[in-house]
Amino acid sequence: MGIPHGGIAFFDSGIGGLTVLAECLKRLPNELFYYYGDNARAPYGNLPPERIYGYVEESMELFASLHARAVVLACNTATAVCIETLRKKYAFPIIGAEPAVLPAVKASDDVLVLSTCATQSSARFSRLCQRVKKQFPTVRLTLAPCHDLAKEIENHVLDSAYSYAPFLPTGNPSAVVLGCTHYVYAKEQIQKHYNCPVFDGNEGIANRLVERLFLAENTVAEQNIRDERPLVTTARPPKIYFLGGEKSRNLRVFEHMFAKYSK
């Protein structure tokens, strides 16, 4: 049986995007989803930009062949490095993952942003931080690249006793931003480690996806009304197709961590 076309696609370097998929399932429980995790080449955070783009482009071509209605680039590193170029090349809307720096600085004046090296060195992330500092000039914003945290999470996510503390930078912030979707798996540990609120961008991603789909479907509905064609519902039970060479592992992690969201 072939994979049905017209779903919503998610891409990540590995398991991190599953945290985003779970959040989107809460908002869109009747959709068709694809999930592509490039686990074999994870993590992306220490790779050069040109290699990251090449890897991401492979998945985009697959999503294009499936006529995806929208793509969620559920990887902060990939978003930071290449989302602008991807948006110029592909017709489907691409929703990126951006660190929740703005919500954090609205709630705190001393914010620690944990991210991958590639995210921190990207021009897109730099522009985000500049906008935030301009809007909130008195806020202390500390940027901390975590060289191995995503890798450790990728390798130990199903080990509930594993400690990520050795891979966290020192500090005493009043808020922490998770600048990588992998880090969401360690959110409780990070919150206990720093003893402060922790922010991730997954809810914001889900909100942007819903907004884009709403706008697109309203456009189609208006065209059908003008043409006097009947509207056909696309409601269906949630179904997720896991793609790529590591699809079995991603399915296993999803079922272990998030399956309740698809029922």
Foldseek 3Di string as FASTA:
>chain_A
DDDAAAFEEEEAQAQLLLVLVLLLCLVAQQTEYEYEHNPVPDDPLVPDLVVLVVVVVVVVVVNVVRVYQEYEHQWLLSCLRPPVVVPVVDDHHYFYFFWPPQVFVVVFQEEEEEAGNSNVPGPSNVVVVVVNCVVVVRGHYHYDHQHCQLVVLNVCLVPPPDAPVVRDDDDQTQEYIYSTSSCVSCLVVVCVNNVHYYDGCSNVSSVVVVVVVVVVVVVVVVVCVVVVHDDDDPGHQYDYHYDDPCSVVSVVVCVVPRPVSRD
